[in-house]
Structures are given as C-alpha cells and as structure tokens.
Amino acid sequence: MNEDDIILMADASGLSFYGIGKDREKFIYYLKAFASFVAAAEREACETAVEDLARKYQQAHEVSAENVADACAYAIRARSQP
C-alpha cells in the first residue's frame, strides 16, 4: 500500500475531509502512520489464523497441509518487511 492508495482510501471513507487546509502534509503523515498500524494489526490477525490452522493440521497428522499453512504464515510475515 503506497501513499496514493492510503489517500484514495481516506477520500473514499470521507476521512480526507479532515486533512483539508494548511496542515495537509501533517495530516498525510499521521494518516500513513495510522494505516501502518492497521496493516500491522491485520497481518498479526492473519498470522494467528494461519498458525491456528497449522496446529489443527499438525494435530491431525496431515503434514502436507501443515507445511502449506506454515508457508502461508511465512508469506504474511514477509509482507511486513520493507
């Protein structure tokens, strides 16, 4: 997600209305920081869901499914790396 995407989402939600005026750059700065926190929380939720799935398959001894779930968790974590 880049700055343009964040601004488009803010526009779509009506949030960008609050960033109109002389403090637009400050608004964009805080909007990007907020978007970063939201994205991190979503990644964490995805990681947890996939790890829970991996444990379920591990308990059922379905190793190939576990490997797929672990790979999914790794891919989600990799998204948080710059």
PDB file of N, CA and C in Angstrom:
ATOM      1  N   MET A   1       0.861  -1.161   0.000  1.00  0.00           N
ATOM      2  CA  MET A   1       0.000   0.000   0.000  1.00  0.00           C
ATOM      3  C   MET A   1       0.912   1.229   0.000  1.00  0.00           C
ATOM      4  N   ASN A   2       0.717   2.079  -0.985  1.00  0.00           N
ATOM      5  CA  ASN A   2       1.539   3.280  -1.038  1.00  0.00           C
ATOM      6  C   ASN A   2       0.735   4.507  -0.607  1.00  0.00           C
ATOM      7  N   GLU A   3       1.388   5.661  -0.606  1.00  0.00           N
ATOM      8  CA  GLU A   3       0.735   6.886  -0.134  1.00  0.00           C
ATOM      9  C   GLU A   3      -0.518   7.203  -0.938  1.00  0.00           C
ATOM     10  N   ASP A   4      -0.455   7.021  -2.253  1.00  0.00           N
ATOM     11  CA  ASP A   4      -1.628   7.294  -3.088  1.00  0.00           C
ATOM     12  C   ASP A   4      -2.802   6.388  -2.726  1.00  0.00           C
ATOM     13  N   ASP A   5      -2.521   5.117  -2.464  1.00  0.00           N
ATOM     14  CA  ASP A   5      -3.578   4.184  -2.055  1.00  0.00           C
ATOM     15  C   ASP A   5      -4.217   4.634  -0.745  1.00  0.00           C
ATOM     16  N   ILE A   6      -3.379   5.046   0.195  1.00  0.00           N
ATOM     17  CA  ILE A   6      -3.880   5.482   1.504  1.00  0.00           C
ATOM     18  C   ILE A   6      -4.770   6.710   1.340  1.00  0.00           C
ATOM     19  N   ILE A   7      -4.335   7.654   0.524  1.00  0.00           N
ATOM     20  CA  ILE A   7      -5.121   8.869   0.304  1.00  0.00           C
ATOM     21  C   ILE A   7      -6.440   8.535  -0.381  1.00  0.00           C
ATOM     22  N   LEU A   8      -6.404   7.632  -1.366  1.00  0.00           N
ATOM     23  CA  LEU A   8      -7.646   7.227  -2.037  1.00  0.00           C
ATOM     24  C   LEU A   8      -8.628   6.592  -1.060  1.00  0.00           C
ATOM     25  N   MET A   9      -8.115   5.754  -0.154  1.00  0.00           N
ATOM     26  CA  MET A   9      -8.995   5.129   0.846  1.00  0.00           C
ATOM     27  C   MET A   9      -9.545   6.178   1.812  1.00  0.00           C
ATOM     28  N   ALA A  10      -8.707   7.144   2.181  1.00  0.00           N
ATOM     29  CA  ALA A  10      -9.176   8.224   3.056  1.00  0.00           C
ATOM     30  C   ALA A  10     -10.264   9.033   2.354  1.00  0.00           C
ATOM     31  N   ASP A  11     -10.063   9.302   1.059  1.00  0.00           N
ATOM     32  CA  ASP A  11     -11.086  10.017   0.288  1.00  0.00           C
ATOM     33  C   ASP A  11     -12.387   9.227   0.248  1.00  0.00           C
ATOM     34  N   ALA A  12     -12.281   7.930  -0.026  1.00  0.00           N
ATOM     35  CA  ALA A  12     -13.469   7.083  -0.133  1.00  0.00           C
ATOM     36  C   ALA A  12     -14.239   7.003   1.182  1.00  0.00           C
ATOM     37  N   SER A  13     -13.516   7.072   2.296  1.00  0.00           N
ATOM     38  CA  SER A  13     -14.172   6.980   3.603  1.00  0.00           C
ATOM     39  C   SER A  13     -14.669   8.329   4.110  1.00  0.00           C
ATOM     40  N   GLY A  14     -14.266   9.406   3.443  1.00  0.00           N
ATOM     41  CA  GLY A  14     -14.632  10.736   3.910  1.00  0.00           C
ATOM     42  C   GLY A  14     -13.646  11.301   4.903  1.00  0.00           C
ATOM     43  N   LEU A  15     -12.657  10.527   5.270  1.00  0.00           N
ATOM     44  CA  LEU A  15     -11.681  10.950   6.271  1.00  0.00           C
ATOM     45  C   LEU A  15     -10.798  12.092   5.768  1.00  0.00           C
ATOM     46  N   SER A  16     -10.524  12.136   4.476  1.00  0.00           N
ATOM     47  CA  SER A  16      -9.617  13.160   3.967  1.00  0.00           C
ATOM     48  C   SER A  16     -10.191  14.563   4.124  1.00  0.00           C
ATOM     49  N   PHE A  17     -11.489  14.667   4.339  1.00  0.00           N
ATOM     50  CA  PHE A  17     -12.117  15.961   4.610  1.00  0.00           C
ATOM     51  C   PHE A  17     -11.413  16.671   5.762  1.00  0.00           C
ATOM     52  N   TYR A  18     -10.955  15.888   6.746  1.00  0.00           N
ATOM     53  CA  TYR A  18     -10.306  16.472   7.920  1.00  0.00           C
ATOM     54  C   TYR A  18      -8.887  16.948   7.631  1.00  0.00           C
ATOM     55  N   GLY A  19      -8.337  16.539   6.494  1.00  0.00           N
ATOM     56  CA  GLY A  19      -6.984  16.934   6.145  1.00  0.00           C
ATOM     57  C   GLY A  19      -6.909  18.107   5.200  1.00  0.00           C
ATOM     58  N   ILE A  20      -8.034  18.759   4.966  1.00  0.00           N
ATOM     59  CA  ILE A  20      -8.053  19.906   4.063  1.00  0.00           C
ATOM     60  C   ILE A  20      -7.479  21.126   4.795  1.00  0.00           C
ATOM     61  N   GLY A  21      -6.639  21.863   4.118  1.00  0.00           N
ATOM     62  CA  GLY A  21      -6.118  23.097   4.703  1.00  0.00           C
ATOM     63  C   GLY A  21      -4.611  23.107   4.783  1.00  0.00           C
ATOM     64  N   LYS A  22      -4.106  24.016   5.609  1.00  0.00           N
ATOM     65  CA  LYS A  22      -2.660  24.246   5.660  1.00  0.00           C
ATOM     66  C   LYS A  22      -1.885  23.101   6.294  1.00  0.00           C
ATOM     67  N   ASP A  23      -2.526  22.258   7.074  1.00  0.00           N
ATOM     68  CA  ASP A  23      -1.841  21.149   7.733  1.00  0.00           C
ATOM     69  C   ASP A  23      -1.984  19.844   6.956  1.00  0.00           C
ATOM     70  N   ARG A  24      -2.171  19.938   5.659  1.00  0.00           N
ATOM     71  CA  ARG A  24      -2.385  18.745   4.819  1.00  0.00           C
ATOM     72  C   ARG A  24      -1.222  17.755   4.932  1.00  0.00           C
ATOM     73  N   GLU A  25       0.012  18.256   4.888  1.00  0.00           N
ATOM     74  CA  GLU A  25       1.173  17.356   4.975  1.00  0.00           C
ATOM     75  C   GLU A  25       1.224  16.646   6.326  1.00  0.00           C
ATOM     76  N   LYS A  26       0.895  17.363   7.379  1.00  0.00           N
ATOM     77  CA  LYS A  26       0.865  16.750   8.720  1.00  0.00           C
ATOM     78  C   LYS A  26      -0.228  15.686   8.778  1.00  0.00           C
ATOM     79  N   PHE A  27      -1.380  16.000   8.188  1.00  0.00           N
ATOM     80  CA  PHE A  27      -2.481  15.042   8.139  1.00  0.00           C
ATOM     81  C   PHE A  27      -2.053  13.777   7.406  1.00  0.00           C
ATOM     82  N   ILE A  28      -1.402  13.930   6.249  1.00  0.00           N
ATOM     83  CA  ILE A  28      -0.945  12.787   5.461  1.00  0.00           C
ATOM     84  C   ILE A  28       0.054  11.958   6.270  1.00  0.00           C
ATOM     85  N   TYR A  29       0.945  12.627   6.991  1.00  0.00           N
ATOM     86  CA  TYR A  29       1.935  11.929   7.821  1.00  0.00           C
ATOM     87  C   TYR A  29       1.232  11.033   8.846  1.00  0.00           C
ATOM     88  N   TYR A  30       0.267  11.593   9.560  1.00  0.00           N
ATOM     89  CA  TYR A  30      -0.438  10.812  10.584  1.00  0.00           C
ATOM     90  C   TYR A  30      -1.364   9.766   9.964  1.00  0.00           C
ATOM     91  N   LEU A  31      -1.911  10.064   8.810  1.00  0.00           N
ATOM     92  CA  LEU A  31      -2.751   9.097   8.118  1.00  0.00           C
ATOM     93  C   LEU A  31      -1.930   7.877   7.709  1.00  0.00           C
ATOM     94  N   LYS A  32      -0.729   8.108   7.197  1.00  0.00           N
ATOM     95  CA  LYS A  32       0.151   6.999   6.818  1.00  0.00           C
ATOM     96  C   LYS A  32       0.556   6.189   8.050  1.00  0.00           C
ATOM     97  N   ALA A  33       0.837   6.864   9.166  1.00  0.00           N
ATOM     98  CA  ALA A  33       1.190   6.155  10.397  1.00  0.00           C
ATOM     99  C   ALA A  33       0.019   5.284  10.858  1.00  0.00           C
ATOM    100  N   PHE A  34      -1.189   5.831  10.808  1.00  0.00           N
ATOM    101  CA  PHE A  34      -2.379   5.076  11.194  1.00  0.00           C
ATOM    102  C   PHE A  34      -2.562   3.866  10.285  1.00  0.00           C
ATOM    103  N   ALA A  35      -2.412   4.061   8.984  1.00  0.00           N
ATOM    104  CA  ALA A  35      -2.545   2.960   8.034  1.00  0.00           C
ATOM    105  C   ALA A  35      -1.522   1.869   8.323  1.00  0.00           C
ATOM    106  N   SER A  36      -0.334   2.257   8.729  1.00  0.00           N
ATOM    107  CA  SER A  36       0.705   1.287   9.069  1.00  0.00           C
ATOM    108  C   SER A  36       0.296   0.447  10.276  1.00  0.00           C
ATOM    109  N   PHE A  37      -0.293   1.084  11.286  1.00  0.00           N
ATOM    110  CA  PHE A  37      -0.760   0.348  12.472  1.00  0.00           C
ATOM    111  C   PHE A  37      -1.891  -0.614  12.107  1.00  0.00           C
ATOM    112  N   VAL A  38      -2.804  -0.164  11.272  1.00  0.00           N
ATOM    113  CA  VAL A  38      -3.919  -1.016  10.849  1.00  0.00           C
ATOM    114  C   VAL A  38      -3.395  -2.223  10.076  1.00  0.00           C
ATOM    115  N   ALA A  39      -2.470  -1.972   9.167  1.00  0.00           N
ATOM    116  CA  ALA A  39      -1.896  -3.069   8.380  1.00  0.00           C
ATOM    117  C   ALA A  39      -1.172  -4.070   9.276  1.00  0.00           C
ATOM    118  N   ALA A  40      -0.430  -3.582  10.262  1.00  0.00           N
ATOM    119  CA  ALA A  40       0.282  -4.477  11.179  1.00  0.00           C
ATOM    120  C   ALA A  40      -0.700  -5.336  11.975  1.00  0.00           C
ATOM    121  N   ALA A  41      -1.782  -4.729  12.423  1.00  0.00           N
ATOM    122  CA  ALA A  41      -2.789  -5.485  13.176  1.00  0.00           C
ATOM    123  C   ALA A  41      -3.436  -6.546  12.286  1.00  0.00           C
ATOM    124  N   GLU A  42      -3.684  -6.219  11.039  1.00  0.00           N
ATOM    125  CA  GLU A  42      -4.278  -7.182  10.109  1.00  0.00           C
ATOM    126  C   GLU A  42      -3.312  -8.329   9.838  1.00  0.00           C
ATOM    127  N   ARG A  43      -2.033  -8.013   9.657  1.00  0.00           N
ATOM    128  CA  ARG A  43      -1.044  -9.079   9.447  1.00  0.00           C
ATOM    129  C   ARG A  43      -1.003 -10.001  10.655  1.00  0.00           C
ATOM    130  N   GLU A  44      -1.030  -9.428  11.852  1.00  0.00           N
ATOM    131  CA  GLU A  44      -0.991 -10.238  13.071  1.00  0.00           C
ATOM    132  C   GLU A  44      -2.214 -11.157  13.142  1.00  0.00           C
ATOM    133  N   ALA A  45      -3.365 -10.629  12.792  1.00  0.00           N
ATOM    134  CA  ALA A  45      -4.583 -11.446  12.802  1.00  0.00           C
ATOM    135  C   ALA A  45      -4.484 -12.581  11.786  1.00  0.00           C
ATOM    136  N   CYS A  46      -3.931 -12.286  10.622  1.00  0.00           N
ATOM    137  CA  CYS A  46      -3.748 -13.328   9.598  1.00  0.00           C
ATOM    138  C   CYS A  46      -2.763 -14.384  10.076  1.00  0.00           C
ATOM    139  N   GLU A  47      -1.670 -13.937  10.670  1.00  0.00           N
ATOM    140  CA  GLU A  47      -0.668 -14.881  11.187  1.00  0.00           C
ATOM    141  C   GLU A  47      -1.292 -15.825  12.204  1.00  0.00           C
ATOM    142  N   THR A  48      -2.059 -15.270  13.116  1.00  0.00           N
ATOM    143  CA  THR A  48      -2.694 -16.080  14.154  1.00  0.00           C
ATOM    144  C   THR A  48      -3.646 -17.102  13.540  1.00  0.00           C
ATOM    145  N   ALA A  49      -4.439 -16.660  12.589  1.00  0.00           N
ATOM    146  CA  ALA A  49      -5.395 -17.571  11.952  1.00  0.00           C
ATOM    147  C   ALA A  49      -4.674 -18.709  11.237  1.00  0.00           C
ATOM    148  N   VAL A  50      -3.618 -18.379  10.524  1.00  0.00           N
ATOM    149  CA  VAL A  50      -2.894 -19.407   9.781  1.00  0.00           C
ATOM    150  C   VAL A  50      -2.154 -20.341  10.734  1.00  0.00           C
ATOM    151  N   GLU A  51      -1.572 -19.790  11.801  1.00  0.00           N
ATOM    152  CA  GLU A  51      -0.881 -20.643  12.773  1.00  0.00           C
ATOM    153  C   GLU A  51      -1.862 -21.586  13.455  1.00  0.00           C
ATOM    154  N   ASP A  52      -3.062 -21.097  13.764  1.00  0.00           N
ATOM    155  CA  ASP A  52      -4.091 -21.965  14.351  1.00  0.00           C
ATOM    156  C   ASP A  52      -4.443 -23.092  13.385  1.00  0.00           C
ATOM    157  N   LEU A  53      -4.538 -22.756  12.127  1.00  0.00           N
ATOM    158  CA  LEU A  53      -4.815 -23.771  11.104  1.00  0.00           C
ATOM    159  C   LEU A  53      -3.683 -24.787  11.037  1.00  0.00           C
ATOM    160  N   ALA A  54      -2.450 -24.313  11.115  1.00  0.00           N
ATOM    161  CA  ALA A  54      -1.293 -25.216  11.077  1.00  0.00           C
ATOM    162  C   ALA A  54      -1.328 -26.182  12.260  1.00  0.00           C
ATOM    163  N   ARG A  55      -1.653 -25.665  13.448  1.00  0.00           N
ATOM    164  CA  ARG A  55      -1.739 -26.539  14.630  1.00  0.00           C
ATOM    165  C   ARG A  55      -2.841 -27.586  14.459  1.00  0.00           C
ATOM    166  N   LYS A  56      -3.957 -27.176  13.884  1.00  0.00           N
ATOM    167  CA  LYS A  56      -5.065 -28.107  13.659  1.00  0.00           C
ATOM    168  C   LYS A  56      -4.618 -29.266  12.768  1.00  0.00           C
ATOM    169  N   TYR A  57      -3.949 -28.949  11.673  1.00  0.00           N
ATOM    170  CA  TYR A  57      -3.499 -29.992  10.759  1.00  0.00           C
ATOM    171  C   TYR A  57      -2.370 -30.815  11.351  1.00  0.00           C
ATOM    172  N   GLN A  58      -1.541 -30.181  12.163  1.00  0.00           N
ATOM    173  CA  GLN A  58      -0.451 -30.919  12.806  1.00  0.00           C
ATOM    174  C   GLN A  58      -1.033 -31.944  13.770  1.00  0.00           C
ATOM    175  N   GLN A  59      -2.053 -31.569  14.511  1.00  0.00           N
ATOM    176  CA  GLN A  59      -2.687 -32.499  15.439  1.00  0.00           C
ATOM    177  C   GLN A  59      -3.365 -33.640  14.689  1.00  0.00           C
ATOM    178  N   ALA A  60      -3.826 -33.377  13.478  1.00  0.00           N
ATOM    179  CA  ALA A  60      -4.478 -34.416  12.676  1.00  0.00           C
ATOM    180  C   ALA A  60      -3.453 -35.212  11.872  1.00  0.00           C
ATOM    181  N   HIS A  61      -2.176 -34.876  12.042  1.00  0.00           N
ATOM    182  CA  HIS A  61      -1.071 -35.551  11.360  1.00  0.00           C
ATOM    183  C   HIS A  61      -1.132 -35.428   9.844  1.00  0.00           C
ATOM    184  N   GLU A  62      -1.646 -34.321   9.381  1.00  0.00           N
ATOM    185  CA  GLU A  62      -1.672 -34.049   7.949  1.00  0.00           C
ATOM    186  C   GLU A  62      -0.512 -33.102   7.645  1.00  0.00           C
ATOM    187  N   VAL A  63       0.657 -33.680   7.528  1.00  0.00           N
ATOM    188  CA  VAL A  63       1.883 -32.904   7.437  1.00  0.00           C
ATOM    189  C   VAL A  63       1.895 -31.983   6.224  1.00  0.00           C
ATOM    190  N   SER A  64       1.434 -32.428   5.082  1.00  0.00           N
ATOM    191  CA  SER A  64       1.496 -31.574   3.898  1.00  0.00           C
ATOM    192  C   SER A  64       0.645 -30.321   4.080  1.00  0.00           C
ATOM    193  N   ALA A  65      -0.504 -30.459   4.711  1.00  0.00           N
ATOM    194  CA  ALA A  65      -1.359 -29.304   4.974  1.00  0.00           C
ATOM    195  C   ALA A  65      -0.670 -28.360   5.964  1.00  0.00           C
ATOM    196  N   GLU A  66       0.038 -28.912   6.932  1.00  0.00           N
ATOM    197  CA  GLU A  66       0.767 -28.094   7.901  1.00  0.00           C
ATOM    198  C   GLU A  66       1.823 -27.266   7.187  1.00  0.00           C
ATOM    199  N   ASN A  67       2.526 -27.910   6.261  1.00  0.00           N
ATOM    200  CA  ASN A  67       3.558 -27.192   5.530  1.00  0.00           C
ATOM    201  C   ASN A  67       2.964 -26.035   4.728  1.00  0.00           C
ATOM    202  N   VAL A  68       1.809 -26.246   4.131  1.00  0.00           N
ATOM    203  CA  VAL A  68       1.155 -25.177   3.379  1.00  0.00           C
ATOM    204  C   VAL A  68       0.763 -24.042   4.318  1.00  0.00           C
ATOM    205  N   ALA A  69       0.190 -24.364   5.457  1.00  0.00           N
ATOM    206  CA  ALA A  69      -0.221 -23.335   6.410  1.00  0.00           C
ATOM    207  C   ALA A  69       0.984 -22.570   6.942  1.00  0.00           C
ATOM    208  N   ASP A  70       2.076 -23.277   7.234  1.00  0.00           N
ATOM    209  CA  ASP A  70       3.295 -22.603   7.687  1.00  0.00           C
ATOM    210  C   ASP A  70       3.833 -21.675   6.600  1.00  0.00           C
ATOM    211  N   ALA A  71       3.756 -22.110   5.367  1.00  0.00           N
ATOM    212  CA  ALA A  71       4.214 -21.276   4.259  1.00  0.00           C
ATOM    213  C   ALA A  71       3.354 -20.019   4.143  1.00  0.00           C
ATOM    214  N   CYS A  72       2.054 -20.165   4.382  1.00  0.00           N
ATOM    215  CA  CYS A  72       1.168 -19.001   4.354  1.00  0.00           C
ATOM    216  C   CYS A  72       1.547 -18.010   5.457  1.00  0.00           C
ATOM    217  N   ALA A  73       1.800 -18.512   6.654  1.00  0.00           N
ATOM    218  CA  ALA A  73       2.189 -17.645   7.764  1.00  0.00           C
ATOM    219  C   ALA A  73       3.493 -16.919   7.437  1.00  0.00           C
ATOM    220  N   TYR A  74       4.437 -17.626   6.853  1.00  0.00           N
ATOM    221  CA  TYR A  74       5.705 -17.007   6.480  1.00  0.00           C
ATOM    222  C   TYR A  74       5.481 -15.901   5.447  1.00  0.00           C
ATOM    223  N   ALA A  75       4.635 -16.153   4.469  1.00  0.00           N
ATOM    224  CA  ALA A  75       4.368 -15.152   3.425  1.00  0.00           C
ATOM    225  C   ALA A  75       3.717 -13.911   4.003  1.00  0.00           C
ATOM    226  N   ILE A  76       2.805 -14.094   4.946  1.00  0.00           N
ATOM    227  CA  ILE A  76       2.150 -12.935   5.563  1.00  0.00           C
ATOM    228  C   ILE A  76       3.172 -12.127   6.348  1.00  0.00           C
ATOM    229  N   ARG A  77       4.034 -12.802   7.102  1.00  0.00           N
ATOM    230  CA  ARG A  77       5.070 -12.092   7.856  1.00  0.00           C
ATOM    231  C   ARG A  77       6.025 -11.349   6.930  1.00  0.00           C
ATOM    232  N   ALA A  78       6.332 -11.934   5.809  1.00  0.00           N
ATOM    233  CA  ALA A  78       7.268 -11.317   4.869  1.00  0.00           C
ATOM    234  C   ALA A  78       6.730 -10.003   4.318  1.00  0.00           C
ATOM    235  N   ARG A  79       5.434  -9.843   4.294  1.00  0.00           N
ATOM    236  CA  ARG A  79       4.844  -8.594   3.814  1.00  0.00           C
ATOM    237  C   ARG A  79       5.206  -7.418   4.702  1.00  0.00           C
ATOM    238  N   SER A  80       5.523  -7.674   5.961  1.00  0.00           N
ATOM    239  CA  SER A  80       5.838  -6.581   6.880  1.00  0.00           C
ATOM    240  C   SER A  80       7.285  -6.110   6.745  1.00  0.00           C
ATOM    241  N   GLN A  81       8.082  -6.814   5.957  1.00  0.00           N
ATOM    242  CA  GLN A  81       9.471  -6.428   5.755  1.00  0.00           C
ATOM    243  C   GLN A  81       9.545  -5.399   4.629  1.00  0.00           C
ATOM    244  N   PRO A  82      10.331  -4.347   4.832  1.00  0.00           N
ATOM    245  CA  PRO A  82      10.442  -3.306   3.778  1.00  0.00           C
ATOM    246  C   PRO A  82      11.128  -3.813   2.524  1.00  0.00           C
TER     247      PRO A  82
END
